[in-house]
Amino acid sequence: MRWHVVAQTEWLATATAWINLAAANAVAARGEFHLVLAGGGTPEKIYRALAKLKHDWSHWHLWFGDERCLPEDDPQRNSRMAAAAWLDRIEIPASNIHVIPAELGAEAGAHAYTQTLRGINEFDLVLLGLGQDGHTASLFPNHDWGVNDDAADVMAVADAPKPPPERISLSAHRLSRARAVLFLICGADKRDALTLWQQGVIIPAASIRPVAGIDLLIDTDACPPGEPK
């Protein structure tokens, strides 16, 4: 775990620059940039910032770490949030936006997204958030996180502790198949979860373990005292 604590005034610019650098490196090396998007208010700020930038978006392929089982046009869906904040504002081929078909229901949608992911090896960058209970994507405490090598790439989630109860999530094992993983963590309400993680408690977020390790981009409000550097 690499902790990067930055002032609130610098956090958004740092996050945006991090993604831009990962994109430039991936396109230079492989011609494509495969980015997994997170839901929530913190990533939404980043997506709005990215929408103002000039890129050849045709090289970007966008995936989703999880989705709520709601109608396609429901504003509570991560795909709709990303579209409103960013994707509807740029010129990117529709075929490069790989939305989880959660409107099909958890089981059918998970199966369909598993097929969509076939042939995709390592993601270039995975963006993840951190919930107050330590969850990330839709991997919640007291649920299966899909950590084993034989875990499904995409999991149907039932009885989620946050509404709606049915969701679809990439498993911890699949999220860990990435060249880089960046946790986006802002706000004092995340401090307790970070403290538990720092102390070695196995929260859901701790199940994400790519070979290269993970980076945590933390603002000063979220940072617990005595954080590792």
C-alpha atoms as a PDB file:
ATOM      1  CA  MET A   1       0.000   0.000   0.000  1.00  0.00           C
ATOM      2  CA  ARG A   2       1.351   3.362  -1.032  1.00  0.00           C
ATOM      3  CA  TRP A   3      -0.307   6.275   0.772  1.00  0.00           C
ATOM      4  CA  HIS A   4      -0.388   9.665  -0.976  1.00  0.00           C
ATOM      5  CA  VAL A   5      -1.825  12.347   1.302  1.00  0.00           C
ATOM      6  CA  VAL A   6      -2.529  15.660  -0.404  1.00  0.00           C
ATOM      7  CA  ALA A   7      -4.272  18.864   0.572  1.00  0.00           C
ATOM      8  CA  GLN A   8      -7.922  19.215  -0.391  1.00  0.00           C
ATOM      9  CA  THR A   9      -7.019  22.077  -2.729  1.00  0.00           C
ATOM     10  CA  GLU A  10      -4.643  19.803  -4.665  1.00  0.00           C
ATOM     11  CA  TRP A  11      -6.518  16.519  -4.527  1.00  0.00           C
ATOM     12  CA  LEU A  12      -8.656  16.861  -7.660  1.00  0.00           C
ATOM     13  CA  ALA A  13      -5.791  18.057  -9.856  1.00  0.00           C
ATOM     14  CA  THR A  14      -3.578  15.250  -8.546  1.00  0.00           C
ATOM     15  CA  ALA A  15      -6.197  12.598  -9.294  1.00  0.00           C
ATOM     16  CA  THR A  16      -6.826  13.930 -12.793  1.00  0.00           C
ATOM     17  CA  ALA A  17      -3.119  14.104 -13.566  1.00  0.00           C
ATOM     18  CA  TRP A  18      -2.679  10.531 -12.302  1.00  0.00           C
ATOM     19  CA  ILE A  19      -5.289   9.238 -14.751  1.00  0.00           C
ATOM     20  CA  ASN A  20      -3.876  11.280 -17.628  1.00  0.00           C
ATOM     21  CA  LEU A  21      -0.397   9.893 -17.041  1.00  0.00           C
ATOM     22  CA  ALA A  22      -1.678   6.318 -16.890  1.00  0.00           C
ATOM     23  CA  ALA A  23      -3.555   6.902 -20.147  1.00  0.00           C
ATOM     24  CA  ALA A  24      -0.522   8.359 -21.908  1.00  0.00           C
ATOM     25  CA  ASN A  25       1.682   5.467 -20.817  1.00  0.00           C
ATOM     26  CA  ALA A  26      -0.854   2.828 -21.844  1.00  0.00           C
ATOM     27  CA  VAL A  27      -1.534   4.355 -25.265  1.00  0.00           C
ATOM     28  CA  ALA A  28       2.187   4.742 -25.931  1.00  0.00           C
ATOM     29  CA  ALA A  29       2.883   1.142 -24.935  1.00  0.00           C
ATOM     30  CA  ARG A  30      -0.185  -0.710 -26.237  1.00  0.00           C
ATOM     31  CA  GLY A  31      -2.333   1.711 -28.238  1.00  0.00           C
ATOM     32  CA  GLU A  32      -5.262   1.480 -25.802  1.00  0.00           C
ATOM     33  CA  PHE A  33      -6.123   2.543 -22.283  1.00  0.00           C
ATOM     34  CA  HIS A  34      -8.472   0.297 -20.301  1.00  0.00           C
ATOM     35  CA  LEU A  35      -9.851   2.198 -17.307  1.00  0.00           C
ATOM     36  CA  VAL A  36     -12.287   0.863 -14.703  1.00  0.00           C
ATOM     37  CA  LEU A  37     -14.598   3.547 -13.337  1.00  0.00           C
ATOM     38  CA  ALA A  38     -15.886   3.872  -9.779  1.00  0.00           C
ATOM     39  CA  GLY A  39     -19.213   5.260  -8.661  1.00  0.00           C
ATOM     40  CA  GLY A  40     -19.910   7.881  -6.031  1.00  0.00           C
ATOM     41  CA  GLY A  41     -19.581  11.602  -5.516  1.00  0.00           C
ATOM     42  CA  THR A  42     -15.801  11.672  -5.256  1.00  0.00           C
ATOM     43  CA  PRO A  43     -15.140  10.091  -8.684  1.00  0.00           C
ATOM     44  CA  GLU A  44     -17.871  12.267 -10.188  1.00  0.00           C
ATOM     45  CA  LYS A  45     -15.748  15.345  -9.506  1.00  0.00           C
ATOM     46  CA  ILE A  46     -12.876  13.754 -11.402  1.00  0.00           C
ATOM     47  CA  TYR A  47     -15.096  12.845 -14.351  1.00  0.00           C
ATOM     48  CA  ARG A  48     -16.272  16.443 -14.628  1.00  0.00           C
ATOM     49  CA  ALA A  49     -12.648  17.565 -14.689  1.00  0.00           C
ATOM     50  CA  LEU A  50     -11.753  15.002 -17.362  1.00  0.00           C
ATOM     51  CA  ALA A  51     -14.635  16.204 -19.528  1.00  0.00           C
ATOM     52  CA  LYS A  52     -12.881  19.552 -19.907  1.00  0.00           C
ATOM     53  CA  LEU A  53      -9.693  18.016 -21.306  1.00  0.00           C
ATOM     54  CA  LYS A  54      -8.713  17.375 -24.897  1.00  0.00           C
ATOM     55  CA  HIS A  55      -7.838  13.779 -25.728  1.00  0.00           C
ATOM     56  CA  ASP A  56      -8.150  11.355 -28.597  1.00  0.00           C
ATOM     57  CA  TRP A  57     -10.800   9.455 -26.663  1.00  0.00           C
ATOM     58  CA  SER A  58     -10.909   6.701 -29.272  1.00  0.00           C
ATOM     59  CA  HIS A  59      -7.972   5.069 -27.463  1.00  0.00           C
ATOM     60  CA  TRP A  60      -9.850   4.913 -24.143  1.00  0.00           C
ATOM     61  CA  HIS A  61     -11.933   1.880 -23.158  1.00  0.00           C
ATOM     62  CA  LEU A  62     -14.091   2.419 -20.093  1.00  0.00           C
ATOM     63  CA  TRP A  63     -15.330  -0.323 -17.809  1.00  0.00           C
ATOM     64  CA  PHE A  64     -17.315  -0.253 -14.576  1.00  0.00           C
ATOM     65  CA  GLY A  65     -16.349  -1.787 -11.252  1.00  0.00           C
ATOM     66  CA  ASP A  66     -19.948  -2.235 -10.172  1.00  0.00           C
ATOM     67  CA  GLU A  67     -23.517  -1.242 -10.915  1.00  0.00           C
ATOM     68  CA  ARG A  68     -26.894  -1.030  -9.231  1.00  0.00           C
ATOM     69  CA  CYS A  69     -29.677  -3.202 -10.648  1.00  0.00           C
ATOM     70  CA  LEU A  70     -31.885  -0.351 -11.797  1.00  0.00           C
ATOM     71  CA  PRO A  71     -33.344   0.723 -15.173  1.00  0.00           C
ATOM     72  CA  GLU A  72     -30.826   1.937 -17.752  1.00  0.00           C
ATOM     73  CA  ASP A  73     -31.816   5.584 -17.401  1.00  0.00           C
ATOM     74  CA  ASP A  74     -31.995   5.671 -13.607  1.00  0.00           C
ATOM     75  CA  PRO A  75     -29.832   8.567 -12.325  1.00  0.00           C
ATOM     76  CA  GLN A  76     -28.645   6.383  -9.416  1.00  0.00           C
ATOM     77  CA  ARG A  77     -26.748   4.114 -11.803  1.00  0.00           C
ATOM     78  CA  ASN A  78     -22.992   4.585 -12.005  1.00  0.00           C
ATOM     79  CA  SER A  79     -23.178   4.486 -15.794  1.00  0.00           C
ATOM     80  CA  ARG A  80     -25.645   7.381 -15.878  1.00  0.00           C
ATOM     81  CA  MET A  81     -23.575   9.434 -13.445  1.00  0.00           C
ATOM     82  CA  ALA A  82     -20.441   8.908 -15.561  1.00  0.00           C
ATOM     83  CA  ALA A  83     -22.364   9.756 -18.731  1.00  0.00           C
ATOM     84  CA  ALA A  84     -23.830  12.983 -17.336  1.00  0.00           C
ATOM     85  CA  ALA A  85     -20.572  14.154 -15.792  1.00  0.00           C
ATOM     86  CA  TRP A  86     -18.209  13.121 -18.577  1.00  0.00           C
ATOM     87  CA  LEU A  87     -19.031  10.658 -21.317  1.00  0.00           C
ATOM     88  CA  ASP A  88     -21.952  12.530 -22.887  1.00  0.00           C
ATOM     89  CA  ARG A  89     -19.697  15.602 -23.093  1.00  0.00           C
ATOM     90  CA  ILE A  90     -16.863  14.100 -25.147  1.00  0.00           C
ATOM     91  CA  GLU A  91     -16.408  12.425 -28.508  1.00  0.00           C
ATOM     92  CA  ILE A  92     -15.805   8.793 -27.629  1.00  0.00           C
ATOM     93  CA  PRO A  93     -17.049   5.817 -29.641  1.00  0.00           C
ATOM     94  CA  ALA A  94     -20.067   4.254 -27.972  1.00  0.00           C
ATOM     95  CA  SER A  95     -18.430   0.868 -28.470  1.00  0.00           C
ATOM     96  CA  ASN A  96     -15.612   1.955 -26.124  1.00  0.00           C
ATOM     97  CA  ILE A  97     -17.998   2.390 -23.179  1.00  0.00           C
ATOM     98  CA  HIS A  98     -18.635  -1.009 -21.660  1.00  0.00           C
ATOM     99  CA  VAL A  99     -21.675  -0.584 -19.415  1.00  0.00           C
ATOM    100  CA  ILE A 100     -22.784  -3.348 -17.051  1.00  0.00           C
ATOM    101  CA  PRO A 101     -26.308  -4.407 -18.194  1.00  0.00           C
ATOM    102  CA  ALA A 102     -27.656  -4.376 -14.645  1.00  0.00           C
ATOM    103  CA  GLU A 103     -31.187  -3.723 -15.885  1.00  0.00           C
ATOM    104  CA  LEU A 104     -31.258  -7.461 -16.727  1.00  0.00           C
ATOM    105  CA  GLY A 105     -31.036  -8.349 -13.039  1.00  0.00           C
ATOM    106  CA  ALA A 106     -28.042  -9.407 -10.981  1.00  0.00           C
ATOM    107  CA  GLU A 107     -27.560 -12.948 -12.284  1.00  0.00           C
ATOM    108  CA  ALA A 108     -28.252 -12.289 -15.965  1.00  0.00           C
ATOM    109  CA  GLY A 109     -26.351  -9.006 -15.958  1.00  0.00           C
ATOM    110  CA  ALA A 110     -23.320 -10.587 -14.310  1.00  0.00           C
ATOM    111  CA  HIS A 111     -23.306 -13.375 -16.885  1.00  0.00           C
ATOM    112  CA  ALA A 112     -23.557 -10.903 -19.765  1.00  0.00           C
ATOM    113  CA  TYR A 113     -20.720  -8.725 -18.460  1.00  0.00           C
ATOM    114  CA  THR A 114     -18.550 -11.800 -17.980  1.00  0.00           C
ATOM    115  CA  GLN A 115     -18.896 -12.437 -21.704  1.00  0.00           C
ATOM    116  CA  THR A 116     -18.083  -8.805 -22.519  1.00  0.00           C
ATOM    117  CA  LEU A 117     -14.876  -9.037 -20.480  1.00  0.00           C
ATOM    118  CA  ARG A 118     -13.610 -12.118 -22.301  1.00  0.00           C
ATOM    119  CA  GLY A 119     -10.325 -11.363 -24.036  1.00  0.00           C
ATOM    120  CA  ILE A 120      -9.512  -8.432 -21.757  1.00  0.00           C
ATOM    121  CA  ASN A 121      -6.455  -9.262 -19.732  1.00  0.00           C
ATOM    122  CA  GLU A 122      -5.043  -6.709 -17.305  1.00  0.00           C
ATOM    123  CA  PHE A 123      -6.824  -3.409 -16.881  1.00  0.00           C
ATOM    124  CA  ASP A 124      -4.444  -0.452 -17.136  1.00  0.00           C
ATOM    125  CA  LEU A 125      -5.962   1.428 -14.200  1.00  0.00           C
ATOM    126  CA  VAL A 126      -8.742   0.586 -11.765  1.00  0.00           C
ATOM    127  CA  LEU A 127     -10.381   3.430  -9.850  1.00  0.00           C
ATOM    128  CA  LEU A 128     -12.008   2.488  -6.554  1.00  0.00           C
ATOM    129  CA  GLY A 129     -13.660   4.279  -3.681  1.00  0.00           C
ATOM    130  CA  LEU A 130     -13.885   3.411  -0.008  1.00  0.00           C
ATOM    131  CA  GLY A 131     -17.139   3.241   1.928  1.00  0.00           C
ATOM    132  CA  GLN A 132     -17.513   4.072   5.596  1.00  0.00           C
ATOM    133  CA  ASP A 133     -17.903   0.342   6.267  1.00  0.00           C
ATOM    134  CA  GLY A 134     -14.760  -0.476   4.276  1.00  0.00           C
ATOM    135  CA  HIS A 135     -16.577  -1.648   1.158  1.00  0.00           C
ATOM    136  CA  THR A 136     -15.322  -0.981  -2.342  1.00  0.00           C
ATOM    137  CA  ALA A 137     -17.204  -1.414  -5.618  1.00  0.00           C
ATOM    138  CA  SER A 138     -20.144  -3.563  -4.401  1.00  0.00           C
ATOM    139  CA  LEU A 139     -17.997  -5.821  -2.225  1.00  0.00           C
ATOM    140  CA  PHE A 140     -19.540  -5.451   1.230  1.00  0.00           C
ATOM    141  CA  PRO A 141     -18.674  -6.798   4.680  1.00  0.00           C
ATOM    142  CA  ASN A 142     -20.091 -10.264   5.389  1.00  0.00           C
ATOM    143  CA  HIS A 143     -20.463 -11.000   1.676  1.00  0.00           C
ATOM    144  CA  ASP A 144     -18.411 -13.008  -0.794  1.00  0.00           C
ATOM    145  CA  TRP A 145     -15.693 -10.763  -2.241  1.00  0.00           C
ATOM    146  CA  GLY A 146     -14.458 -13.210  -4.854  1.00  0.00           C
ATOM    147  CA  VAL A 147     -10.860 -13.358  -3.681  1.00  0.00           C
ATOM    148  CA  ASN A 148      -9.912 -16.885  -4.760  1.00  0.00           C
ATOM    149  CA  ASP A 149      -8.167 -17.660  -8.023  1.00  0.00           C
ATOM    150  CA  ASP A 150     -11.247 -19.503  -9.269  1.00  0.00           C
ATOM    151  CA  ALA A 151     -13.633 -16.682  -8.376  1.00  0.00           C
ATOM    152  CA  ALA A 152     -15.970 -15.436 -11.082  1.00  0.00           C
ATOM    153  CA  ASP A 153     -14.867 -12.259 -12.829  1.00  0.00           C
ATOM    154  CA  VAL A 154     -18.300 -10.713 -12.305  1.00  0.00           C
ATOM    155  CA  MET A 155     -20.496 -11.400  -9.291  1.00  0.00           C
ATOM    156  CA  ALA A 156     -24.205 -11.080  -8.664  1.00  0.00           C
ATOM    157  CA  VAL A 157     -24.706  -9.327  -5.322  1.00  0.00           C
ATOM    158  CA  ALA A 158     -27.843  -9.876  -3.245  1.00  0.00           C
ATOM    159  CA  ASP A 159     -28.883  -8.325   0.062  1.00  0.00           C
ATOM    160  CA  ALA A 160     -26.496  -5.381  -0.207  1.00  0.00           C
ATOM    161  CA  PRO A 161     -26.607  -3.293   2.983  1.00  0.00           C
ATOM    162  CA  LYS A 162     -27.172  -0.167   0.902  1.00  0.00           C
ATOM    163  CA  PRO A 163     -30.081   0.257  -1.528  1.00  0.00           C
ATOM    164  CA  PRO A 164     -30.744  -1.163  -3.967  1.00  0.00           C
ATOM    165  CA  PRO A 165     -30.138  -4.658  -2.558  1.00  0.00           C
ATOM    166  CA  GLU A 166     -29.349  -6.209  -5.948  1.00  0.00           C
ATOM    167  CA  ARG A 167     -26.089  -5.184  -7.591  1.00  0.00           C
ATOM    168  CA  ILE A 168     -23.379  -6.463  -9.900  1.00  0.00           C
ATOM    169  CA  SER A 169     -19.697  -6.159  -9.070  1.00  0.00           C
ATOM    170  CA  LEU A 170     -16.378  -7.181 -10.476  1.00  0.00           C
ATOM    171  CA  SER A 171     -14.806  -9.611  -8.031  1.00  0.00           C
ATOM    172  CA  ALA A 172     -11.747  -8.764  -5.957  1.00  0.00           C
ATOM    173  CA  HIS A 173      -9.788 -11.255  -8.036  1.00  0.00           C
ATOM    174  CA  ARG A 174     -10.778  -9.538 -11.320  1.00  0.00           C
ATOM    175  CA  LEU A 175     -10.223  -6.021  -9.980  1.00  0.00           C
ATOM    176  CA  SER A 176      -6.749  -7.130  -8.915  1.00  0.00           C
ATOM    177  CA  ARG A 177      -5.862  -8.092 -12.496  1.00  0.00           C
ATOM    178  CA  ALA A 178      -4.610  -4.588 -13.199  1.00  0.00           C
ATOM    179  CA  ARG A 179      -1.385  -2.787 -13.876  1.00  0.00           C
ATOM    180  CA  ALA A 180      -2.420  -0.138 -11.354  1.00  0.00           C
ATOM    181  CA  VAL A 181      -5.175   0.361  -8.784  1.00  0.00           C
ATOM    182  CA  LEU A 182      -5.944   3.807  -7.363  1.00  0.00           C
ATOM    183  CA  PHE A 183      -8.247   4.307  -4.372  1.00  0.00           C
ATOM    184  CA  LEU A 184      -9.875   7.747  -4.327  1.00  0.00           C
ATOM    185  CA  ILE A 185     -10.514   8.712  -0.702  1.00  0.00           C
ATOM    186  CA  CYS A 186     -11.879  12.051   0.497  1.00  0.00           C
ATOM    187  CA  GLY A 187     -13.638  13.259   3.614  1.00  0.00           C
ATOM    188  CA  ALA A 188     -13.522  12.780   7.357  1.00  0.00           C
ATOM    189  CA  ASP A 189     -16.223  10.090   7.169  1.00  0.00           C
ATOM    190  CA  LYS A 190     -13.653   7.742   5.588  1.00  0.00           C
ATOM    191  CA  ARG A 191     -11.134   8.114   8.415  1.00  0.00           C
ATOM    192  CA  ASP A 192     -12.440   5.238  10.547  1.00  0.00           C
ATOM    193  CA  ALA A 193     -12.349   2.776   7.645  1.00  0.00           C
ATOM    194  CA  LEU A 194      -8.828   3.903   6.771  1.00  0.00           C
ATOM    195  CA  THR A 195      -7.765   3.487  10.387  1.00  0.00           C
ATOM    196  CA  LEU A 196      -9.027  -0.108  10.435  1.00  0.00           C
ATOM    197  CA  TRP A 197      -7.225  -0.813   7.165  1.00  0.00           C
ATOM    198  CA  GLN A 198      -4.056   0.752   8.526  1.00  0.00           C
ATOM    199  CA  GLN A 199      -4.311  -1.512  11.589  1.00  0.00           C
ATOM    200  CA  GLY A 200      -4.501  -4.625   9.434  1.00  0.00           C
ATOM    201  CA  VAL A 201      -8.208  -5.318   9.720  1.00  0.00           C
ATOM    202  CA  ILE A 202      -9.379  -7.205   6.626  1.00  0.00           C
ATOM    203  CA  ILE A 203     -12.027  -4.888   5.257  1.00  0.00           C
ATOM    204  CA  PRO A 204     -13.397  -5.529   1.741  1.00  0.00           C
ATOM    205  CA  ALA A 205     -11.071  -2.932   0.205  1.00  0.00           C
ATOM    206  CA  ALA A 206      -8.095  -4.912   1.512  1.00  0.00           C
ATOM    207  CA  SER A 207      -9.068  -7.804  -0.760  1.00  0.00           C
ATOM    208  CA  ILE A 208      -7.846  -5.877  -3.824  1.00  0.00           C
ATOM    209  CA  ARG A 209      -4.261  -7.076  -4.239  1.00  0.00           C
ATOM    210  CA  PRO A 210      -2.702  -6.536  -7.665  1.00  0.00           C
ATOM    211  CA  VAL A 211       0.860  -7.667  -8.229  1.00  0.00           C
ATOM    212  CA  ALA A 212       2.100  -4.080  -8.369  1.00  0.00           C
ATOM    213  CA  GLY A 213       0.357  -3.096  -5.121  1.00  0.00           C
ATOM    214  CA  ILE A 214      -2.172  -0.330  -4.665  1.00  0.00           C
ATOM    215  CA  ASP A 215      -2.065   3.432  -4.350  1.00  0.00           C
ATOM    216  CA  LEU A 216      -4.312   5.405  -2.018  1.00  0.00           C
ATOM    217  CA  LEU A 217      -4.892   9.056  -2.907  1.00  0.00           C
ATOM    218  CA  ILE A 218      -6.148  10.558   0.341  1.00  0.00           C
ATOM    219  CA  ASP A 219      -7.105  14.096   1.231  1.00  0.00           C
ATOM    220  CA  THR A 220      -6.062  15.507   4.585  1.00  0.00           C
ATOM    221  CA  ASP A 221      -9.581  15.255   6.048  1.00  0.00           C
ATOM    222  CA  ALA A 222      -9.680  11.488   5.505  1.00  0.00           C
ATOM    223  CA  CYS A 223      -6.162  10.814   6.719  1.00  0.00           C
ATOM    224  CA  PRO A 224      -5.948   9.143  10.151  1.00  0.00           C
ATOM    225  CA  PRO A 225      -3.145  10.196  12.482  1.00  0.00           C
ATOM    226  CA  GLY A 226       0.139   8.374  12.077  1.00  0.00           C
ATOM    227  CA  GLU A 227      -0.512   7.211   8.514  1.00  0.00           C
ATOM    228  CA  PRO A 228       2.318   5.346   6.769  1.00  0.00           C
ATOM    229  CA  LYS A 229       4.227   7.300   4.152  1.00  0.00           C
END
